[in-house]
Amino acid sequence: MLKIKNLNVYYGGIHAVKDVSIHVPEGKIVTLIGANGAGKSSTIRAISGLLKHTSGEVVYNGAGNANLLKKTPEEIVRSGVVMCPEGRRILPHLTVEENLRLGAYIRTDKDGVEKDIDWVYELFPRLKERSWQKGGTLSGGEQQMLAVGRALMSRPNVIMLDEPSLGLAPLLVREVFDIIEEINAQGKTVLLVEQNAFAALKIAHYAYVLEVGAVSLEGPGQELLADPRVKEAYLGG
């Protein structure tokens, strides 16, 4: 569904993403793991059009094999590929429901939007209970749920999640990953960037390890979970 080919990104003189090639099949969870600064977030920010690339292609079958790197961020969202950013980035002065409706700004199907709000509330019952609250008054875990829900409101085919567990307590981390599996089970393709390698590999159908901007290992999530090199570097031995 989504094929990243020889992607290169520079920050000034720093080569942050080096010839990265990744395949995200339809209906699967694919994860990028690696240390802080490995190039994971830069990769998906380039895919989403928020970060300028130097070379490469992002071919998306859902848009007729279009190269997303030639599109604007809005065009990429309209194509069906959306990112839930690191740090949540909700609008704190808007209510929960206003944040969700903002996620559907590209849509004109009013009935569909209402159905999807109900669907997001089914996924995240706590958001329904707090639909009238300002986003900034929510807990960190609730804000993460709101950020994911807002991304889903554009009705994407591919959802890219950037560090969804960052800063959350272990119990909430487990809940967030359960929700990612549920989203995938309901037909969404997921590209997951995550520093919590153990949690990410447990749910991933396929995984890539990034080191200093380049892919160093790849394979099915369960295989990498058992790989001694991954255990030593990312799973505490």
Protein backbone atom coordinates (compact mmCIF):
# COMPACT_ATOMS: atom_id res chain seq x y z
CA MET A 1 0.00 0.00 0.00
CA LEU A 2 2.75 2.44 1.00
CA LYS A 3 6.28 2.05 -0.31
CA ILE A 4 9.08 4.35 0.76
CA LYS A 5 12.02 4.13 -1.63
CA ASN A 6 15.52 5.50 -0.94
CA LEU A 7 14.30 8.40 1.17
CA ASN A 8 16.93 10.98 2.12
CA VAL A 9 16.45 13.93 4.48
CA TYR A 10 19.02 16.50 5.59
CA TYR A 11 18.96 18.99 8.46
CA GLY A 12 21.50 21.52 7.24
CA GLY A 13 24.68 19.47 6.97
CA ILE A 14 23.29 16.51 8.95
CA HIS A 15 22.14 13.51 6.91
CA ALA A 16 19.19 12.51 9.13
CA VAL A 17 17.55 9.88 6.89
CA LYS A 18 19.83 7.81 4.66
CA ASP A 19 18.36 5.88 1.73
CA VAL A 20 15.53 4.48 3.87
CA SER A 21 13.27 1.99 2.07
CA ILE A 22 10.18 0.67 3.84
CA HIS A 23 7.11 -1.27 2.73
CA VAL A 24 3.80 -0.89 4.60
CA PRO A 25 1.34 -3.52 3.30
CA GLU A 26 -2.38 -2.87 3.40
CA GLY A 27 -4.06 -3.89 6.64
CA LYS A 28 -0.82 -4.40 8.59
CA ILE A 29 0.97 -2.75 11.50
CA VAL A 30 4.53 -1.80 10.59
CA THR A 31 6.79 -0.24 13.19
CA LEU A 32 10.01 1.76 13.09
CA ILE A 33 12.08 1.38 16.23
CA GLY A 34 15.42 2.82 17.22
CA ALA A 35 17.15 5.12 19.65
CA ASN A 36 16.32 8.78 20.00
CA GLY A 37 17.75 10.61 16.99
CA ALA A 38 17.77 7.51 14.75
CA GLY A 39 15.63 9.21 12.10
CA LYS A 40 12.28 7.60 12.87
CA SER A 41 10.22 10.77 13.28
CA SER A 42 12.05 12.47 10.40
CA THR A 43 11.00 9.59 8.15
CA ILE A 44 7.28 9.89 8.79
CA ARG A 45 7.36 13.68 8.85
CA ALA A 46 8.84 13.53 5.35
CA ILE A 47 6.13 11.06 4.27
CA SER A 48 3.45 13.44 5.58
CA GLY A 49 4.97 16.41 3.73
CA LEU A 50 5.88 18.29 6.90
CA LEU A 51 9.62 17.88 6.37
CA LYS A 52 11.42 18.57 3.12
CA HIS A 53 13.12 15.55 1.57
CA THR A 54 16.26 15.62 -0.57
CA SER A 55 15.53 12.56 -2.69
CA GLY A 56 13.41 9.42 -2.78
CA GLU A 57 9.83 8.36 -3.41
CA VAL A 58 6.77 7.54 -1.32
CA VAL A 59 4.47 5.54 -3.57
CA TYR A 60 0.91 5.17 -2.33
CA ASN A 61 -1.42 2.73 -4.06
CA GLY A 62 -4.47 4.36 -2.54
CA ALA A 63 -3.80 7.45 -4.66
CA GLY A 64 -3.19 5.58 -7.91
CA ASN A 65 0.51 4.89 -7.21
CA ALA A 66 1.11 8.61 -6.71
CA ASN A 67 4.41 9.84 -5.31
CA LEU A 68 3.31 11.57 -2.11
CA LEU A 69 6.55 13.54 -1.96
CA LYS A 70 5.22 15.65 -4.83
CA LYS A 71 2.08 16.56 -2.89
CA THR A 72 1.33 19.17 -0.22
CA PRO A 73 0.53 18.04 3.34
CA GLU A 74 -3.18 18.74 2.74
CA GLU A 75 -3.16 16.73 -0.48
CA ILE A 76 -1.50 13.85 1.36
CA VAL A 77 -4.25 13.88 4.01
CA ARG A 78 -6.89 13.98 1.27
CA SER A 79 -5.15 10.98 -0.35
CA GLY A 80 -5.83 8.97 2.80
CA VAL A 81 -2.51 9.14 4.68
CA VAL A 82 -2.55 11.02 7.99
CA MET A 83 -0.09 11.48 10.85
CA CYS A 84 -0.77 11.68 14.58
CA PRO A 85 2.21 13.79 15.71
CA GLU A 86 4.57 13.33 18.62
CA GLY A 87 3.54 15.43 21.61
CA ARG A 88 -0.19 15.13 20.77
CA ARG A 89 -0.50 18.72 19.46
CA ILE A 90 -4.17 19.03 20.36
CA LEU A 91 -5.70 22.49 20.59
CA PRO A 92 -5.99 23.08 24.35
CA HIS A 93 -8.58 25.85 24.20
CA LEU A 94 -11.04 23.82 22.11
CA THR A 95 -13.30 21.16 23.59
CA VAL A 96 -12.76 17.46 22.97
CA GLU A 97 -15.53 17.41 20.37
CA GLU A 98 -14.27 20.56 18.67
CA ASN A 99 -10.82 18.96 18.36
CA LEU A 100 -12.41 15.88 16.81
CA ARG A 101 -14.45 17.90 14.34
CA LEU A 102 -11.33 19.79 13.35
CA GLY A 103 -9.85 16.45 12.30
CA ALA A 104 -12.66 16.11 9.75
CA TYR A 105 -12.07 19.51 8.14
CA ILE A 106 -11.46 18.00 4.69
CA ARG A 107 -14.78 16.14 4.71
CA THR A 108 -18.18 17.24 3.43
CA ASP A 109 -20.20 14.13 4.39
CA LYS A 110 -21.95 15.44 7.49
CA ASP A 111 -23.71 12.17 8.29
CA GLY A 112 -20.43 10.28 7.97
CA VAL A 113 -18.70 12.72 10.29
CA GLU A 114 -21.37 12.20 12.96
CA LYS A 115 -21.03 8.42 12.64
CA ASP A 116 -17.26 8.65 12.96
CA ILE A 117 -17.52 10.83 16.08
CA ASP A 118 -19.70 8.09 17.59
CA TRP A 119 -17.09 5.51 16.49
CA VAL A 120 -14.25 7.48 18.13
CA TYR A 121 -16.32 7.72 21.32
CA GLU A 122 -16.79 3.94 21.21
CA LEU A 123 -13.01 3.49 20.90
CA PHE A 124 -12.37 6.05 23.65
CA PRO A 125 -15.29 6.11 26.12
CA ARG A 126 -13.43 8.59 28.32
CA LEU A 127 -13.50 11.12 25.51
CA LYS A 128 -17.26 10.84 25.30
CA GLU A 129 -17.50 11.49 29.04
CA ARG A 130 -15.33 14.59 28.56
CA SER A 131 -16.67 15.79 25.20
CA TRP A 132 -17.43 19.25 26.62
CA GLN A 133 -14.06 19.70 28.38
CA LYS A 134 -11.27 21.82 27.00
CA GLY A 135 -8.51 19.66 25.55
CA GLY A 136 -5.91 21.29 27.77
CA THR A 137 -7.67 20.05 30.92
CA LEU A 138 -7.32 16.37 29.97
CA SER A 139 -4.69 14.04 31.39
CA GLY A 140 -1.71 13.08 29.22
CA GLY A 141 -3.26 9.74 28.35
CA GLU A 142 -6.59 11.33 27.45
CA GLN A 143 -4.84 13.91 25.27
CA GLN A 144 -3.10 11.07 23.41
CA MET A 145 -6.46 9.38 22.87
CA LEU A 146 -7.84 12.67 21.56
CA ALA A 147 -4.89 13.09 19.18
CA VAL A 148 -5.45 9.60 17.76
CA GLY A 149 -9.20 10.17 17.54
CA ARG A 150 -8.68 13.46 15.73
CA ALA A 151 -6.43 11.74 13.17
CA LEU A 152 -9.06 9.05 12.61
CA MET A 153 -11.69 11.70 11.88
CA SER A 154 -10.17 12.34 8.44
CA ARG A 155 -11.10 8.71 7.69
CA PRO A 156 -7.57 7.69 6.63
CA ASN A 157 -6.51 4.45 5.00
CA VAL A 158 -3.05 4.75 6.56
CA ILE A 159 -2.50 6.27 10.00
CA MET A 160 1.06 7.11 11.07
CA LEU A 161 1.58 7.34 14.82
CA ASP A 162 4.65 9.20 16.12
CA GLU A 163 5.65 8.08 19.63
CA PRO A 164 2.09 7.51 20.95
CA SER A 165 3.36 6.11 24.29
CA LEU A 166 5.73 8.98 25.05
CA GLY A 167 5.37 10.23 28.62
CA LEU A 168 2.56 7.84 29.56
CA ALA A 169 2.36 5.62 32.61
CA PRO A 170 2.80 1.87 31.94
CA LEU A 171 -0.91 1.12 32.40
CA LEU A 172 -1.84 3.77 29.84
CA VAL A 173 0.87 2.55 27.45
CA ARG A 174 -0.78 -0.87 27.45
CA GLU A 175 -4.16 0.74 26.78
CA VAL A 176 -2.84 2.82 23.88
CA PHE A 177 -1.30 -0.24 22.22
CA ASP A 178 -4.54 -2.19 22.69
CA ILE A 179 -6.31 0.63 20.88
CA ILE A 180 -3.76 0.57 18.03
CA GLU A 181 -4.49 -3.14 17.57
CA GLU A 182 -8.23 -2.42 17.60
CA ILE A 183 -7.83 0.33 14.97
CA ASN A 184 -5.88 -2.10 12.81
CA ALA A 185 -8.50 -4.82 13.33
CA GLN A 186 -11.11 -2.39 12.00
CA GLY A 187 -9.23 -2.06 8.72
CA LYS A 188 -6.70 0.74 9.19
CA THR A 189 -3.12 0.29 8.03
CA VAL A 190 -0.70 1.53 10.71
CA LEU A 191 2.84 2.88 10.49
CA LEU A 192 4.07 3.19 14.07
CA VAL A 193 7.15 5.10 15.23
CA GLU A 194 7.99 4.12 18.78
CA GLN A 195 10.88 4.16 21.27
CA ASN A 196 9.15 1.51 23.39
CA ALA A 197 10.56 -1.30 21.26
CA PHE A 198 9.08 -4.14 23.32
CA ALA A 199 5.49 -2.84 23.10
CA ALA A 200 5.82 -1.96 19.42
CA LEU A 201 7.33 -5.29 18.35
CA LYS A 202 4.67 -7.22 20.27
CA ILE A 203 1.90 -5.85 18.04
CA ALA A 204 3.79 -5.28 14.76
CA HIS A 205 3.38 -7.56 11.77
CA TYR A 206 6.70 -6.25 10.44
CA ALA A 207 9.40 -3.99 11.84
CA TYR A 208 12.41 -1.94 10.83
CA VAL A 209 15.28 -0.91 13.10
CA LEU A 210 16.78 2.49 12.32
CA GLU A 211 20.30 3.40 13.46
CA VAL A 212 21.82 6.80 12.70
CA GLY A 213 19.34 7.38 9.89
CA ALA A 214 19.60 4.03 8.10
CA VAL A 215 17.77 0.70 8.27
CA SER A 216 20.02 -1.77 10.08
CA LEU A 217 17.59 -4.66 10.62
CA GLU A 218 14.14 -5.68 9.44
CA GLY A 219 11.80 -8.61 9.82
CA PRO A 220 8.53 -9.81 11.37
CA GLY A 221 7.88 -8.20 14.73
CA GLN A 222 8.03 -11.46 16.68
CA GLU A 223 11.34 -12.42 15.05
CA LEU A 224 12.97 -9.12 15.95
CA LEU A 225 11.56 -9.42 19.46
CA ALA A 226 13.63 -12.62 19.82
CA ASP A 227 16.71 -11.31 17.96
CA PRO A 228 19.71 -11.10 20.34
CA ARG A 229 20.91 -7.88 18.70
CA VAL A 230 17.57 -6.18 19.29
CA LYS A 231 17.38 -7.55 22.84
CA GLU A 232 20.82 -6.20 23.63
CA ALA A 233 20.26 -2.75 22.13
CA TYR A 234 16.61 -2.02 22.86
CA LEU A 235 15.10 -4.55 25.24
CA GLY A 236 17.48 -4.37 28.17
CA GLY A 237 19.52 -7.43 27.34
